Amino acid sequence: MSAIKIASLFILAYLIGAFPTGVIIGKIFFHKDIRNYGSGNIGTTNTFRVLGPKAGVVVFLIDFFKGTLATLLPVIFKLGPHYLCLVFGLAAILGHAFSIFLKFKGGKAVATSAGFLLGYNVHFFLICAVIFIPTLLITSMVSLSSLISIVLIFIASFFFHDIALSIISGLLVILIYWSHRSNIKRIEKHEENMVPFGLLYWYKKRSHHNS
């Protein structure tokens, strides 16, 4: 397999990840630049908050499956070693976080990272879902759930005895924490936005009602 073909598909994986779904959906269907509203983020959570649940679901699905598609490029084009899927998936994640279409700015890459995990290893993805979903139902915060889950996912990766997967998972820990810097500050100040469900949400709602 030629190095030129691998390099070309690697660039394609990055461009797939760099596709700014939230910005495109907002401008075409709502005549809004989502970067100017809410948290200013182009991802699923801010889309839900600014454009509504239908737009949020569409953005999530596209951001999710662009991670899966990019990860599976080596399989689709029969490039050989399975570890290339990790490299291509990482390219999509970096594309989402540092999109060439948005002057190398982008989203927090949580949905794209989840799609990448599905594309690489379905069983590992299911374990990640089992970690993330209950965490979200407890914390009621996507950001906090992502920060907690990615560390647990990194630890879980060691049980798969796949050094490449563990290395990429470790890099995701760094990327997720870096991209959530502002969220971490809001969490520390108890100012982080919450989803309208989960234990912490209902607890705070009940406490506010009783007060």
Protein backbone atom coordinates (compact mmCIF):
# COMPACT_ATOMS: atom_id res chain seq x y z
CA MET A 1 0.00 0.00 0.00
CA SER A 2 1.51 3.29 -1.08
CA ALA A 3 2.38 5.93 1.45
CA ILE A 4 0.63 8.50 -0.75
CA LYS A 5 -2.67 6.62 -0.48
CA ILE A 6 -2.37 6.28 3.29
CA ALA A 7 -1.49 9.98 3.62
CA SER A 8 -4.41 10.98 1.37
CA LEU A 9 -6.89 8.92 3.40
CA PHE A 10 -5.43 10.30 6.63
CA ILE A 11 -6.13 13.82 5.37
CA LEU A 12 -9.63 12.67 4.39
CA ALA A 13 -10.18 11.35 7.93
CA TYR A 14 -9.15 14.74 9.32
CA LEU A 15 -11.49 16.57 6.92
CA ILE A 16 -14.38 14.28 7.84
CA GLY A 17 -13.81 15.11 11.49
CA ALA A 18 -13.37 18.80 10.69
CA PHE A 19 -16.84 19.08 9.11
CA PRO A 20 -18.48 21.71 11.39
CA THR A 21 -21.90 20.09 11.76
CA GLY A 22 -23.33 22.45 14.40
CA VAL A 23 -22.30 25.56 12.48
CA ILE A 24 -23.71 24.26 9.17
CA ILE A 25 -27.02 23.13 10.70
CA GLY A 26 -27.41 26.42 12.56
CA LYS A 27 -26.71 28.62 9.55
CA ILE A 28 -28.74 26.68 6.97
CA PHE A 29 -31.84 25.80 8.98
CA PHE A 30 -31.94 28.39 11.76
CA HIS A 31 -29.98 31.32 10.30
CA LYS A 32 -27.87 31.39 13.44
CA ASP A 33 -24.17 30.99 14.01
CA ILE A 34 -24.20 28.73 17.05
CA ARG A 35 -20.80 30.07 18.06
CA ASN A 36 -22.51 33.34 19.02
CA TYR A 37 -25.01 31.74 21.42
CA GLY A 38 -24.99 29.79 24.65
CA SER A 39 -21.53 28.47 25.47
CA GLY A 40 -20.34 29.21 21.94
CA ASN A 41 -19.48 25.55 21.42
CA ILE A 42 -20.38 23.86 18.12
CA GLY A 43 -21.23 20.48 19.63
CA THR A 44 -24.31 18.55 20.70
CA THR A 45 -24.96 20.09 24.12
CA ASN A 46 -24.92 23.70 22.95
CA THR A 47 -26.97 22.77 19.87
CA PHE A 48 -29.65 21.26 22.12
CA ARG A 49 -29.64 24.39 24.24
CA VAL A 50 -29.68 26.93 21.38
CA LEU A 51 -31.39 25.23 18.44
CA GLY A 52 -33.56 22.62 20.15
CA PRO A 53 -33.67 18.84 20.56
CA LYS A 54 -34.20 17.93 16.89
CA ALA A 55 -31.14 19.89 15.79
CA GLY A 56 -29.23 18.52 18.77
CA VAL A 57 -29.97 14.92 17.80
CA VAL A 58 -28.96 15.55 14.17
CA VAL A 59 -25.69 17.20 15.20
CA PHE A 60 -24.93 14.40 17.64
CA LEU A 61 -25.56 11.66 15.07
CA ILE A 62 -23.47 13.32 12.36
CA ASP A 63 -20.60 14.14 14.74
CA PHE A 64 -20.78 10.60 16.13
CA PHE A 65 -20.80 8.78 12.81
CA LYS A 66 -18.14 10.96 11.21
CA GLY A 67 -15.86 9.55 13.90
CA THR A 68 -16.97 6.02 13.02
CA LEU A 69 -16.58 6.58 9.28
CA ALA A 70 -13.08 8.03 9.58
CA THR A 71 -12.03 5.18 11.87
CA LEU A 72 -13.24 2.59 9.36
CA LEU A 73 -11.44 4.09 6.35
CA PRO A 74 -8.56 1.60 6.67
CA VAL A 75 -11.12 -1.24 6.67
CA ILE A 76 -13.06 0.18 3.73
CA PHE A 77 -9.91 0.63 1.66
CA LYS A 78 -8.18 -2.51 3.03
CA LEU A 79 -5.07 -0.73 4.26
CA GLY A 80 -3.88 -3.57 6.43
CA PRO A 81 -2.97 -3.25 10.15
CA HIS A 82 -5.99 -2.72 12.39
CA TYR A 83 -4.12 -0.18 14.51
CA LEU A 84 -4.41 2.25 11.56
CA CYS A 85 -8.07 2.57 12.53
CA LEU A 86 -6.92 4.21 15.75
CA VAL A 87 -4.69 6.63 13.88
CA PHE A 88 -7.45 7.57 11.44
CA GLY A 89 -9.97 7.91 14.26
CA LEU A 90 -7.60 10.23 16.11
CA ALA A 91 -7.26 12.30 12.93
CA ALA A 92 -11.05 12.78 12.87
CA ILE A 93 -11.11 13.73 16.56
CA LEU A 94 -8.36 16.30 16.01
CA GLY A 95 -10.26 17.53 12.96
CA HIS A 96 -13.34 18.15 15.08
CA ALA A 97 -11.38 19.88 17.83
CA PHE A 98 -9.20 21.91 15.44
CA SER A 99 -11.28 22.32 12.30
CA ILE A 100 -9.58 23.83 9.27
CA PHE A 101 -13.00 25.21 8.31
CA LEU A 102 -13.20 27.20 11.57
CA LYS A 103 -9.67 28.60 11.65
CA PHE A 104 -8.50 25.53 13.60
CA LYS A 105 -11.07 25.94 16.35
CA GLY A 106 -13.83 23.45 17.00
CA GLY A 107 -15.80 21.39 19.48
CA LYS A 108 -14.89 19.25 22.47
CA ALA A 109 -14.95 16.05 20.36
CA VAL A 110 -16.94 13.92 22.81
CA ALA A 111 -19.45 12.63 20.23
CA THR A 112 -16.74 12.12 17.59
CA SER A 113 -14.61 10.23 20.13
CA ALA A 114 -17.56 7.97 20.93
CA GLY A 115 -18.05 7.29 17.23
CA PHE A 116 -14.37 6.47 16.90
CA LEU A 117 -14.63 3.92 19.71
CA LEU A 118 -17.58 2.24 17.98
CA GLY A 119 -15.63 2.02 14.74
CA TYR A 120 -12.57 0.51 16.38
CA ASN A 121 -14.04 -1.99 18.85
CA VAL A 122 -17.76 -2.54 19.43
CA HIS A 123 -17.23 -4.33 22.74
CA PHE A 124 -15.04 -1.56 24.08
CA PHE A 125 -17.61 0.99 22.90
CA LEU A 126 -20.36 -0.80 24.85
CA ILE A 127 -18.23 -0.72 27.99
CA CYS A 128 -17.67 3.01 27.44
CA ALA A 129 -21.44 3.52 27.09
CA VAL A 130 -22.01 1.59 30.33
CA ILE A 131 -19.55 3.96 32.00
CA PHE A 132 -20.78 7.24 30.48
CA ILE A 133 -24.58 6.89 30.63
CA PRO A 134 -24.91 6.13 34.37
CA THR A 135 -22.36 8.85 35.12
CA LEU A 136 -24.48 11.36 33.20
CA LEU A 137 -27.63 10.19 34.99
CA ILE A 138 -25.90 10.85 38.32
CA THR A 139 -24.10 14.14 37.60
CA SER A 140 -26.63 15.71 35.17
CA MET A 141 -23.67 17.39 33.44
CA VAL A 142 -22.31 16.28 30.07
CA SER A 143 -18.99 17.97 30.75
CA LEU A 144 -18.41 16.39 34.17
CA SER A 145 -19.58 13.02 32.86
CA SER A 146 -17.11 13.27 29.99
CA LEU A 147 -14.24 14.20 32.33
CA ILE A 148 -14.96 11.33 34.70
CA SER A 149 -15.75 8.77 32.00
CA ILE A 150 -12.67 9.35 29.86
CA VAL A 151 -10.41 8.53 32.82
CA LEU A 152 -12.39 5.34 33.57
CA ILE A 153 -12.33 4.48 29.85
CA PHE A 154 -8.56 4.89 29.81
CA ILE A 155 -8.29 2.49 32.75
CA ALA A 156 -10.71 0.04 31.08
CA SER A 157 -8.58 0.02 27.93
CA PHE A 158 -5.81 -1.88 29.76
CA PHE A 159 -8.11 -4.88 30.15
CA PHE A 160 -8.19 -5.24 26.36
CA HIS A 161 -4.40 -5.78 26.19
CA ASP A 162 -4.20 -3.44 23.20
CA ILE A 163 -1.31 -1.04 23.70
CA ALA A 164 -2.34 1.14 20.76
CA LEU A 165 -5.87 1.50 22.17
CA SER A 166 -4.47 2.44 25.59
CA ILE A 167 -2.14 5.04 24.04
CA ILE A 168 -4.97 6.64 22.05
CA SER A 169 -7.24 6.54 25.12
CA GLY A 170 -4.52 8.32 27.08
CA LEU A 171 -4.27 10.98 24.39
CA LEU A 172 -8.06 11.39 24.56
CA VAL A 173 -7.79 12.06 28.30
CA ILE A 174 -5.41 14.93 27.55
CA LEU A 175 -7.55 16.27 24.68
CA ILE A 176 -10.86 16.04 26.57
CA TYR A 177 -9.44 17.77 29.66
CA TRP A 178 -7.78 20.46 27.53
CA SER A 179 -10.97 21.16 25.57
CA HIS A 180 -13.02 21.32 28.78
CA ARG A 181 -10.87 23.93 30.51
CA SER A 182 -13.69 26.47 30.72
CA ASN A 183 -16.14 23.79 31.87
CA ILE A 184 -13.82 22.76 34.69
CA LYS A 185 -13.73 26.37 35.93
CA ARG A 186 -17.54 26.55 35.84
CA ILE A 187 -17.82 23.22 37.65
CA GLU A 188 -15.51 24.48 40.40
CA LYS A 189 -17.72 27.57 40.77
CA HIS A 190 -20.93 25.48 40.66
CA GLU A 191 -21.98 27.40 37.55
CA GLU A 192 -21.91 24.62 34.96
CA ASN A 193 -25.04 24.06 32.85
CA MET A 194 -27.02 20.91 33.58
CA VAL A 195 -29.16 18.69 31.41
CA PRO A 196 -32.85 18.58 32.48
CA PHE A 197 -32.63 15.09 33.97
CA GLY A 198 -30.53 13.03 36.32
CA LEU A 199 -30.10 12.79 40.08
CA LEU A 200 -28.21 16.05 40.64
CA TYR A 201 -30.67 18.01 38.47
CA TRP A 202 -33.69 16.70 40.33
CA TYR A 203 -31.98 17.20 43.70
CA LYS A 204 -31.18 20.84 42.94
CA LYS A 205 -34.64 21.41 41.50
CA ARG A 206 -36.26 19.95 44.59
CA SER A 207 -33.98 21.93 46.93
CA HIS A 208 -34.78 25.15 45.06
CA HIS A 209 -38.51 24.37 45.20
CA ASN A 210 -38.42 23.66 48.94
CA SER A 211 -36.48 26.86 49.63
